[in-house]
Amino acid sequence: MGIIAWVILGLLAGAIAKALMPGDDPGGVFVTIAIGIVGAIAGGFIGEWLGFGGLGTFFELRTWIIAVAGALALLAIVRIATNSGRRHGPLTH
């Protein structure tokens, strides 16, 4: 895939990940794109390592599933890293 396709895939995968995991996140559109791109690449490496195959072409369903899964994992890691030391929720009195 070309760089434009990676950016579009990253933007959409990051947006889907944020829609599936709503909440406060640092950054805006550029952080969403970065989380999506890095998550897609990491998901591709992990998927290939586990034997599922890496990222394929832009229009393959497998590519989108791997990209969104990677973006979800990275988003969770970013949230844990940025919220460490701060607790939110009903059990924090």
C-alpha atoms as a PDB file:
ATOM      1  CA  MET A   1       0.000   0.000   0.000  1.00  0.00           C
ATOM      2  CA  GLY A   2       1.115   3.536  -0.635  1.00  0.00           C
ATOM      3  CA  ILE A   3       1.555   6.226   2.003  1.00  0.00           C
ATOM      4  CA  ILE A   4      -1.862   7.765   1.233  1.00  0.00           C
ATOM      5  CA  ALA A   5      -3.538   4.390   1.748  1.00  0.00           C
ATOM      6  CA  TRP A   6      -1.689   3.945   5.070  1.00  0.00           C
ATOM      7  CA  VAL A   7      -2.851   7.363   6.258  1.00  0.00           C
ATOM      8  CA  ILE A   8      -6.459   6.660   5.253  1.00  0.00           C
ATOM      9  CA  LEU A   9      -6.345   3.182   6.804  1.00  0.00           C
ATOM     10  CA  GLY A  10      -4.796   4.632   9.960  1.00  0.00           C
ATOM     11  CA  LEU A  11      -7.334   7.434  10.222  1.00  0.00           C
ATOM     12  CA  LEU A  12     -10.265   5.090   9.779  1.00  0.00           C
ATOM     13  CA  ALA A  13      -8.847   2.324  12.001  1.00  0.00           C
ATOM     14  CA  GLY A  14      -8.088   4.883  14.724  1.00  0.00           C
ATOM     15  CA  ALA A  15     -11.575   6.391  14.418  1.00  0.00           C
ATOM     16  CA  ILE A  16     -13.198   2.947  14.601  1.00  0.00           C
ATOM     17  CA  ALA A  17     -11.063   2.085  17.640  1.00  0.00           C
ATOM     18  CA  LYS A  18     -12.118   5.305  19.382  1.00  0.00           C
ATOM     19  CA  ALA A  19     -15.774   4.579  18.539  1.00  0.00           C
ATOM     20  CA  LEU A  20     -15.465   1.081  20.016  1.00  0.00           C
ATOM     21  CA  MET A  21     -13.637   2.376  23.123  1.00  0.00           C
ATOM     22  CA  PRO A  22     -15.239   5.745  23.913  1.00  0.00           C
ATOM     23  CA  GLY A  23     -13.636   7.951  26.510  1.00  0.00           C
ATOM     24  CA  ASP A  24     -11.210  10.781  27.023  1.00  0.00           C
ATOM     25  CA  ASP A  25      -8.030  10.458  25.017  1.00  0.00           C
ATOM     26  CA  PRO A  26      -5.078  12.794  24.660  1.00  0.00           C
ATOM     27  CA  GLY A  27      -4.669  14.547  21.341  1.00  0.00           C
ATOM     28  CA  GLY A  28      -6.931  15.040  18.403  1.00  0.00           C
ATOM     29  CA  VAL A  29      -7.047  13.941  14.800  1.00  0.00           C
ATOM     30  CA  PHE A  30      -3.287  13.596  14.422  1.00  0.00           C
ATOM     31  CA  VAL A  31      -3.020  11.351  17.482  1.00  0.00           C
ATOM     32  CA  THR A  32      -5.923   9.292  16.130  1.00  0.00           C
ATOM     33  CA  ILE A  33      -4.101   8.877  12.812  1.00  0.00           C
ATOM     34  CA  ALA A  34      -0.847   7.984  14.596  1.00  0.00           C
ATOM     35  CA  ILE A  35      -2.569   5.431  16.852  1.00  0.00           C
ATOM     36  CA  GLY A  36      -4.286   3.937  13.818  1.00  0.00           C
ATOM     37  CA  ILE A  37      -1.156   3.709  11.669  1.00  0.00           C
ATOM     38  CA  VAL A  38       1.117   2.389  14.410  1.00  0.00           C
ATOM     39  CA  GLY A  39      -1.614   0.050  15.633  1.00  0.00           C
ATOM     40  CA  ALA A  40      -2.194  -1.278  12.110  1.00  0.00           C
ATOM     41  CA  ILE A  41       1.510  -1.915  11.592  1.00  0.00           C
ATOM     42  CA  ALA A  42       1.866  -3.563  15.010  1.00  0.00           C
ATOM     43  CA  GLY A  43      -1.265  -5.623  14.380  1.00  0.00           C
ATOM     44  CA  GLY A  44       0.156  -6.726  11.035  1.00  0.00           C
ATOM     45  CA  PHE A  45       3.414  -7.868  12.612  1.00  0.00           C
ATOM     46  CA  ILE A  46       1.636  -9.670  15.443  1.00  0.00           C
ATOM     47  CA  GLY A  47      -0.883 -11.257  13.074  1.00  0.00           C
ATOM     48  CA  GLU A  48       1.892 -12.535  10.850  1.00  0.00           C
ATOM     49  CA  TRP A  49       3.867 -13.795  13.862  1.00  0.00           C
ATOM     50  CA  LEU A  50       0.795 -15.695  15.101  1.00  0.00           C
ATOM     51  CA  GLY A  51       0.255 -17.238  11.658  1.00  0.00           C
ATOM     52  CA  PHE A  52      -2.822 -15.240  10.612  1.00  0.00           C
ATOM     53  CA  GLY A  53      -0.953 -13.411   7.864  1.00  0.00           C
ATOM     54  CA  GLY A  54      -0.007  -9.765   7.867  1.00  0.00           C
ATOM     55  CA  LEU A  55      -1.761  -6.813   6.359  1.00  0.00           C
ATOM     56  CA  GLY A  56      -2.981  -7.394   2.827  1.00  0.00           C
ATOM     57  CA  THR A  57      -4.398  -4.928   0.356  1.00  0.00           C
ATOM     58  CA  PHE A  58      -6.496  -1.941   1.353  1.00  0.00           C
ATOM     59  CA  PHE A  59      -9.839  -3.563   0.516  1.00  0.00           C
ATOM     60  CA  GLU A  60      -9.288  -6.915   2.260  1.00  0.00           C
ATOM     61  CA  LEU A  61     -11.446  -7.527   5.326  1.00  0.00           C
ATOM     62  CA  ARG A  62      -8.482  -9.161   7.081  1.00  0.00           C
ATOM     63  CA  THR A  63      -6.475  -5.946   6.700  1.00  0.00           C
ATOM     64  CA  TRP A  64      -9.220  -3.918   8.378  1.00  0.00           C
ATOM     65  CA  ILE A  65      -9.749  -6.407  11.201  1.00  0.00           C
ATOM     66  CA  ILE A  66      -6.013  -6.521  11.945  1.00  0.00           C
ATOM     67  CA  ALA A  67      -5.679  -2.727  11.691  1.00  0.00           C
ATOM     68  CA  VAL A  68      -8.611  -2.024  14.012  1.00  0.00           C
ATOM     69  CA  ALA A  69      -7.478  -4.705  16.494  1.00  0.00           C
ATOM     70  CA  GLY A  70      -3.992  -3.185  16.546  1.00  0.00           C
ATOM     71  CA  ALA A  71      -5.414   0.311  16.968  1.00  0.00           C
ATOM     72  CA  LEU A  72      -7.647  -0.892  19.832  1.00  0.00           C
ATOM     73  CA  ALA A  73      -4.676  -2.490  21.582  1.00  0.00           C
ATOM     74  CA  LEU A  74      -2.532   0.608  21.138  1.00  0.00           C
ATOM     75  CA  LEU A  75      -5.356   2.873  22.300  1.00  0.00           C
ATOM     76  CA  ALA A  76      -5.704   0.785  25.463  1.00  0.00           C
ATOM     77  CA  ILE A  77      -1.947   1.014  26.059  1.00  0.00           C
ATOM     78  CA  VAL A  78      -1.989   4.803  25.510  1.00  0.00           C
ATOM     79  CA  ARG A  79      -4.885   5.191  27.942  1.00  0.00           C
ATOM     80  CA  ILE A  80      -3.123   3.113  30.593  1.00  0.00           C
ATOM     81  CA  ALA A  81       0.115   5.058  30.116  1.00  0.00           C
ATOM     82  CA  THR A  82      -1.503   8.505  30.207  1.00  0.00           C
ATOM     83  CA  ASN A  83      -3.846   7.751  33.124  1.00  0.00           C
ATOM     84  CA  SER A  84      -1.263   6.157  35.389  1.00  0.00           C
ATOM     85  CA  GLY A  85      -1.289   7.886  38.734  1.00  0.00           C
ATOM     86  CA  ARG A  86      -4.753   9.333  38.115  1.00  0.00           C
ATOM     87  CA  ARG A  87      -7.788   7.329  39.104  1.00  0.00           C
ATOM     88  CA  HIS A  88     -11.263   8.015  37.864  1.00  0.00           C
ATOM     89  CA  GLY A  89     -14.488   6.296  38.642  1.00  0.00           C
ATOM     90  CA  PRO A  90     -16.941   5.588  41.408  1.00  0.00           C
ATOM     91  CA  LEU A  91     -14.515   3.708  43.651  1.00  0.00           C
ATOM     92  CA  THR A  92     -12.004   6.558  44.031  1.00  0.00           C
ATOM     93  CA  HIS A  93     -12.836   8.490  47.162  1.00  0.00           C
END
